[in-house]
Amino acid sequence: MTASVRPGPPLVVDGSGLLCVTLFLRLRSEIDGAPPGTVVHVKATDPAAPLDLAAWSHLTGHTYLGPVPGDGTAATYAFVVAESAQRTDPGSPWRLDTVASAGGYGAGPAIHQTPVP
C-alpha cells in the first residue's frame, strides 16, 4: 500500500517511558483529527514498540514506515495516517472501535463484531 504524504513537519508523539498499551492510548488521542497523509513520529522506549507499532498500523490500516534515524534519546518510528484507517476502542488499543465515527482519522465504515458465545 502506498501512502500519500502531506507536506510539512511530522506530528511527534512522545511515548518515552510508557509501556505499549499506554503508548497506544496516547497515540490514539494525539492523532485524532490528523488529516490523512500526516506523517507521525512515535518516540518509544518499550522494547516491544517496533513490533507493536507495525502490528497496530496493520490492524488500523495506517502505513507503517519503520524506524527513523534520531538523536539517540529514544527510538523513533514512523507511520502515515491513512484516509481509510479504522479507529481503535478508546479503552483498548488492540480492539477496533465497533461504533462508526465521523471525522478524526479514517472515518471509514464501522466494523461490527459478533460476540463469541
N, C-alpha and C. Protein backbone atom coordinates (compact mmCIF):
# COMPACT_ATOMS: atom_id res chain seq x y z
N MET A 1 0.84 -1.17 0.00
CA MET A 1 0.00 0.00 0.00
C MET A 1 0.89 1.23 0.00
N THR A 2 0.64 2.15 -0.91
CA THR A 2 1.40 3.38 -0.99
C THR A 2 0.59 4.49 -0.34
N ALA A 3 1.24 5.21 0.54
CA ALA A 3 0.54 6.29 1.25
C ALA A 3 0.90 7.63 0.62
N SER A 4 -0.07 8.49 0.52
CA SER A 4 0.15 9.85 0.06
C SER A 4 0.54 10.68 1.27
N VAL A 5 1.69 11.31 1.22
CA VAL A 5 2.22 12.04 2.37
C VAL A 5 1.97 13.54 2.21
N ARG A 6 1.44 14.15 3.28
CA ARG A 6 1.22 15.59 3.30
C ARG A 6 2.55 16.29 3.56
N PRO A 7 2.78 17.42 2.91
CA PRO A 7 4.00 18.17 3.19
C PRO A 7 3.94 18.77 4.60
N GLY A 8 5.09 19.04 5.14
CA GLY A 8 5.16 19.68 6.45
C GLY A 8 5.86 18.78 7.46
N PRO A 9 6.08 19.33 8.64
CA PRO A 9 6.77 18.56 9.68
C PRO A 9 5.89 17.43 10.20
N PRO A 10 6.52 16.38 10.71
CA PRO A 10 5.72 15.27 11.26
C PRO A 10 5.06 15.65 12.58
N LEU A 11 3.99 14.95 12.88
CA LEU A 11 3.37 15.03 14.20
C LEU A 11 4.18 14.12 15.10
N VAL A 12 4.69 14.63 16.21
CA VAL A 12 5.53 13.83 17.11
C VAL A 12 4.74 13.45 18.35
N VAL A 13 4.73 12.14 18.63
CA VAL A 13 4.08 11.62 19.83
C VAL A 13 5.18 11.01 20.69
N ASP A 14 5.38 11.58 21.88
CA ASP A 14 6.44 11.10 22.76
C ASP A 14 5.89 10.07 23.73
N GLY A 15 6.27 8.83 23.51
CA GLY A 15 5.85 7.74 24.37
C GLY A 15 7.00 7.22 25.22
N SER A 16 8.03 8.05 25.40
CA SER A 16 9.19 7.64 26.20
C SER A 16 8.75 7.27 27.61
N GLY A 17 9.20 6.13 28.09
CA GLY A 17 8.88 5.68 29.43
C GLY A 17 7.55 4.97 29.57
N LEU A 18 6.79 4.88 28.48
CA LEU A 18 5.48 4.23 28.54
C LEU A 18 5.53 2.81 28.00
N LEU A 19 4.75 1.93 28.59
CA LEU A 19 4.56 0.61 28.00
C LEU A 19 3.65 0.77 26.80
N CYS A 20 3.70 -0.18 25.89
CA CYS A 20 2.99 -0.03 24.62
C CYS A 20 1.49 0.22 24.78
N VAL A 21 0.83 -0.41 25.73
CA VAL A 21 -0.61 -0.20 25.88
C VAL A 21 -0.90 1.27 26.15
N THR A 22 -0.17 1.86 27.08
CA THR A 22 -0.35 3.27 27.41
C THR A 22 0.08 4.15 26.23
N LEU A 23 1.14 3.76 25.55
CA LEU A 23 1.60 4.49 24.38
C LEU A 23 0.50 4.55 23.32
N PHE A 24 -0.16 3.42 23.06
CA PHE A 24 -1.20 3.39 22.03
C PHE A 24 -2.44 4.17 22.44
N LEU A 25 -2.75 4.21 23.71
CA LEU A 25 -3.86 5.05 24.17
C LEU A 25 -3.53 6.53 23.93
N ARG A 26 -2.29 6.92 24.23
CA ARG A 26 -1.86 8.30 23.97
C ARG A 26 -1.84 8.58 22.47
N LEU A 27 -1.30 7.63 21.71
CA LEU A 27 -1.21 7.79 20.27
C LEU A 27 -2.59 7.98 19.65
N ARG A 28 -3.54 7.16 20.08
CA ARG A 28 -4.91 7.26 19.55
C ARG A 28 -5.46 8.67 19.75
N SER A 29 -5.29 9.23 20.95
CA SER A 29 -5.85 10.55 21.21
C SER A 29 -5.08 11.65 20.48
N GLU A 30 -3.77 11.50 20.32
CA GLU A 30 -2.98 12.56 19.69
C GLU A 30 -3.11 12.60 18.17
N ILE A 31 -3.46 11.48 17.54
CA ILE A 31 -3.64 11.52 16.08
C ILE A 31 -5.09 11.77 15.69
N ASP A 32 -5.99 11.79 16.68
CA ASP A 32 -7.39 12.07 16.39
C ASP A 32 -7.49 13.45 15.74
N GLY A 33 -8.07 13.49 14.58
CA GLY A 33 -8.20 14.75 13.86
C GLY A 33 -7.06 15.03 12.89
N ALA A 34 -6.01 14.21 12.93
CA ALA A 34 -4.92 14.41 11.98
C ALA A 34 -5.40 14.04 10.57
N PRO A 35 -5.14 14.90 9.61
CA PRO A 35 -5.61 14.61 8.25
C PRO A 35 -4.86 13.43 7.64
N PRO A 36 -5.51 12.72 6.73
CA PRO A 36 -4.83 11.63 6.03
C PRO A 36 -3.55 12.15 5.36
N GLY A 37 -2.52 11.33 5.39
CA GLY A 37 -1.23 11.71 4.82
C GLY A 37 -0.28 12.31 5.82
N THR A 38 -0.76 12.57 7.04
CA THR A 38 0.11 13.11 8.09
C THR A 38 1.13 12.06 8.48
N VAL A 39 2.39 12.45 8.50
CA VAL A 39 3.45 11.56 8.97
C VAL A 39 3.53 11.72 10.48
N VAL A 40 3.53 10.60 11.19
CA VAL A 40 3.60 10.61 12.65
C VAL A 40 4.89 9.95 13.07
N HIS A 41 5.66 10.63 13.92
CA HIS A 41 6.85 10.05 14.52
C HIS A 41 6.52 9.70 15.97
N VAL A 42 6.76 8.46 16.32
CA VAL A 42 6.47 7.98 17.66
C VAL A 42 7.78 7.67 18.36
N LYS A 43 8.05 8.38 19.45
CA LYS A 43 9.23 8.10 20.27
C LYS A 43 8.83 7.06 21.30
N ALA A 44 9.62 5.99 21.39
CA ALA A 44 9.25 4.90 22.30
C ALA A 44 10.48 4.27 22.91
N THR A 45 10.35 3.90 24.19
CA THR A 45 11.43 3.20 24.87
C THR A 45 11.08 1.75 25.17
N ASP A 46 9.82 1.38 25.02
CA ASP A 46 9.40 -0.01 25.23
C ASP A 46 10.04 -0.87 24.15
N PRO A 47 10.77 -1.93 24.53
CA PRO A 47 11.43 -2.76 23.52
C PRO A 47 10.46 -3.45 22.55
N ALA A 48 9.21 -3.57 22.93
CA ALA A 48 8.22 -4.20 22.04
C ALA A 48 7.65 -3.22 21.02
N ALA A 49 7.97 -1.94 21.14
CA ALA A 49 7.37 -0.92 20.28
C ALA A 49 7.54 -1.17 18.78
N PRO A 50 8.70 -1.58 18.28
CA PRO A 50 8.81 -1.76 16.83
C PRO A 50 7.84 -2.81 16.30
N LEU A 51 7.68 -3.90 17.01
CA LEU A 51 6.75 -4.95 16.58
C LEU A 51 5.30 -4.51 16.78
N ASP A 52 5.03 -3.90 17.94
CA ASP A 52 3.66 -3.49 18.24
C ASP A 52 3.18 -2.37 17.31
N LEU A 53 4.05 -1.42 16.97
CA LEU A 53 3.65 -0.34 16.07
C LEU A 53 3.33 -0.87 14.67
N ALA A 54 4.14 -1.81 14.21
CA ALA A 54 3.88 -2.42 12.90
C ALA A 54 2.55 -3.17 12.92
N ALA A 55 2.29 -3.94 13.98
CA ALA A 55 1.04 -4.70 14.08
C ALA A 55 -0.15 -3.77 14.22
N TRP A 56 -0.03 -2.72 15.03
CA TRP A 56 -1.13 -1.77 15.22
C TRP A 56 -1.43 -1.04 13.92
N SER A 57 -0.39 -0.66 13.19
CA SER A 57 -0.59 0.01 11.90
C SER A 57 -1.33 -0.90 10.93
N HIS A 58 -0.97 -2.18 10.92
CA HIS A 58 -1.66 -3.14 10.07
C HIS A 58 -3.12 -3.30 10.49
N LEU A 59 -3.36 -3.38 11.79
CA LEU A 59 -4.72 -3.52 12.31
C LEU A 59 -5.59 -2.33 11.93
N THR A 60 -5.06 -1.14 12.04
CA THR A 60 -5.84 0.07 11.82
C THR A 60 -5.85 0.55 10.37
N GLY A 61 -4.90 0.09 9.58
CA GLY A 61 -4.83 0.49 8.18
C GLY A 61 -3.88 1.63 7.88
N HIS A 62 -3.16 2.10 8.90
CA HIS A 62 -2.15 3.13 8.67
C HIS A 62 -0.95 2.49 7.97
N THR A 63 -0.11 3.29 7.34
CA THR A 63 1.07 2.78 6.64
C THR A 63 2.29 2.94 7.54
N TYR A 64 2.83 1.81 8.00
CA TYR A 64 4.00 1.81 8.87
C TYR A 64 5.24 2.03 8.03
N LEU A 65 6.07 2.99 8.40
CA LEU A 65 7.29 3.30 7.66
C LEU A 65 8.54 2.74 8.31
N GLY A 66 8.47 2.39 9.59
CA GLY A 66 9.62 1.81 10.28
C GLY A 66 10.42 2.81 11.09
N PRO A 67 11.64 2.42 11.47
CA PRO A 67 12.46 3.27 12.32
C PRO A 67 12.93 4.53 11.59
N VAL A 68 13.10 5.59 12.38
CA VAL A 68 13.58 6.87 11.87
C VAL A 68 14.90 7.17 12.58
N PRO A 69 15.92 7.54 11.82
CA PRO A 69 17.18 7.92 12.50
C PRO A 69 16.91 9.09 13.45
N GLY A 70 17.48 9.01 14.64
CA GLY A 70 17.21 10.05 15.62
C GLY A 70 18.44 10.50 16.36
N ASP A 71 18.19 11.18 17.46
CA ASP A 71 19.30 11.74 18.25
C ASP A 71 19.79 10.77 19.32
N GLY A 72 19.20 9.59 19.41
CA GLY A 72 19.66 8.60 20.37
C GLY A 72 18.98 8.65 21.72
N THR A 73 18.12 9.63 21.98
CA THR A 73 17.46 9.71 23.28
C THR A 73 16.36 8.67 23.40
N ALA A 74 15.63 8.43 22.34
CA ALA A 74 14.59 7.39 22.33
C ALA A 74 14.44 6.94 20.88
N ALA A 75 14.18 5.67 20.71
CA ALA A 75 13.95 5.17 19.35
C ALA A 75 12.71 5.84 18.79
N THR A 76 12.74 6.15 17.50
CA THR A 76 11.62 6.81 16.85
C THR A 76 11.17 5.98 15.66
N TYR A 77 9.86 5.82 15.53
CA TYR A 77 9.27 5.03 14.46
C TYR A 77 8.23 5.91 13.77
N ALA A 78 7.97 5.63 12.49
CA ALA A 78 7.06 6.49 11.73
C ALA A 78 5.96 5.69 11.06
N PHE A 79 4.80 6.35 10.91
CA PHE A 79 3.73 5.81 10.09
C PHE A 79 3.00 6.99 9.46
N VAL A 80 2.19 6.69 8.44
CA VAL A 80 1.41 7.70 7.76
C VAL A 80 -0.06 7.44 8.06
N VAL A 81 -0.78 8.48 8.49
CA VAL A 81 -2.21 8.36 8.77
C VAL A 81 -2.93 8.07 7.46
N ALA A 82 -3.71 6.99 7.47
CA ALA A 82 -4.43 6.57 6.27
C ALA A 82 -5.83 7.16 6.24
N GLU A 83 -6.29 7.45 5.04
CA GLU A 83 -7.64 8.00 4.87
C GLU A 83 -8.70 7.02 5.31
N SER A 84 -8.47 5.75 5.07
CA SER A 84 -9.49 4.74 5.38
C SER A 84 -9.16 3.95 6.64
N ALA A 85 -8.35 4.52 7.53
CA ALA A 85 -7.95 3.81 8.75
C ALA A 85 -9.14 3.57 9.67
N GLN A 86 -9.05 2.51 10.43
CA GLN A 86 -10.07 2.16 11.42
C GLN A 86 -9.62 2.67 12.78
N ARG A 87 -10.56 3.24 13.52
CA ARG A 87 -10.27 3.70 14.88
C ARG A 87 -10.25 2.51 15.84
N THR A 88 -9.47 2.66 16.90
CA THR A 88 -9.47 1.64 17.93
C THR A 88 -10.40 2.06 19.06
N ASP A 89 -10.77 1.09 19.86
CA ASP A 89 -11.62 1.34 21.02
C ASP A 89 -10.91 2.32 21.95
N PRO A 90 -11.62 3.30 22.51
CA PRO A 90 -10.97 4.30 23.37
C PRO A 90 -10.23 3.71 24.57
N GLY A 91 -10.65 2.58 25.08
CA GLY A 91 -10.00 2.00 26.25
C GLY A 91 -9.15 0.78 25.95
N SER A 92 -9.11 0.36 24.70
CA SER A 92 -8.37 -0.85 24.34
C SER A 92 -7.75 -0.68 22.96
N PRO A 93 -6.46 -0.36 22.91
CA PRO A 93 -5.83 -0.06 21.63
C PRO A 93 -5.71 -1.24 20.67
N TRP A 94 -5.98 -2.45 21.14
CA TRP A 94 -5.88 -3.63 20.28
C TRP A 94 -7.25 -4.10 19.79
N ARG A 95 -8.29 -3.33 20.06
CA ARG A 95 -9.63 -3.67 19.57
C ARG A 95 -10.12 -2.53 18.68
N LEU A 96 -10.69 -2.89 17.54
CA LEU A 96 -11.25 -1.87 16.68
C LEU A 96 -12.53 -1.34 17.31
N ASP A 97 -12.75 -0.05 17.14
CA ASP A 97 -13.96 0.60 17.63
C ASP A 97 -15.13 0.06 16.81
N THR A 98 -16.15 -0.44 17.46
CA THR A 98 -17.28 -1.03 16.75
C THR A 98 -18.37 -0.02 16.44
N VAL A 99 -18.17 1.23 16.83
CA VAL A 99 -19.15 2.28 16.57
C VAL A 99 -18.59 3.19 15.49
N ALA A 100 -19.37 3.41 14.44
CA ALA A 100 -18.92 4.30 13.37
C ALA A 100 -18.74 5.70 13.93
N SER A 101 -17.72 6.39 13.46
CA SER A 101 -17.49 7.75 13.93
C SER A 101 -17.22 8.64 12.74
N ALA A 102 -17.56 9.89 12.90
CA ALA A 102 -17.32 10.86 11.84
C ALA A 102 -16.11 11.69 12.21
N GLY A 103 -15.37 12.10 11.21
CA GLY A 103 -14.20 12.94 11.44
C GLY A 103 -13.04 12.13 11.98
N GLY A 104 -12.05 12.84 12.50
CA GLY A 104 -10.87 12.18 13.04
C GLY A 104 -10.10 11.49 11.94
N TYR A 105 -9.36 10.48 12.29
CA TYR A 105 -8.60 9.78 11.27
C TYR A 105 -9.42 8.60 10.79
N GLY A 106 -9.51 8.46 9.53
CA GLY A 106 -10.14 7.31 8.91
C GLY A 106 -11.57 7.10 9.30
N ALA A 107 -12.44 8.00 9.00
CA ALA A 107 -13.85 7.82 9.33
C ALA A 107 -14.45 6.82 8.36
N GLY A 108 -13.86 5.64 8.33
CA GLY A 108 -14.31 4.58 7.43
C GLY A 108 -15.52 3.86 8.00
N PRO A 109 -15.91 2.79 7.35
CA PRO A 109 -17.08 2.06 7.82
C PRO A 109 -16.84 1.43 9.18
N ALA A 110 -17.90 1.28 9.92
CA ALA A 110 -17.79 0.64 11.23
C ALA A 110 -17.55 -0.85 11.04
N ILE A 111 -16.86 -1.44 11.98
CA ILE A 111 -16.65 -2.87 11.95
C ILE A 111 -17.57 -3.44 13.02
N HIS A 112 -18.44 -4.33 12.62
CA HIS A 112 -19.36 -4.94 13.56
C HIS A 112 -18.85 -6.34 13.92
N GLN A 113 -18.54 -6.50 15.17
CA GLN A 113 -18.03 -7.78 15.62
C GLN A 113 -19.13 -8.55 16.31
N THR A 114 -19.21 -9.82 16.02
CA THR A 114 -20.20 -10.67 16.65
C THR A 114 -19.57 -11.28 17.90
N PRO A 115 -20.21 -11.13 19.06
CA PRO A 115 -19.64 -11.71 20.28
C PRO A 115 -19.56 -13.23 20.16
N VAL A 116 -18.50 -13.77 20.72
CA VAL A 116 -18.33 -15.22 20.72
C VAL A 116 -19.02 -15.76 21.97
N PRO A 117 -19.91 -16.75 21.78
CA PRO A 117 -20.63 -17.30 22.95
C PRO A 117 -19.72 -18.04 23.88
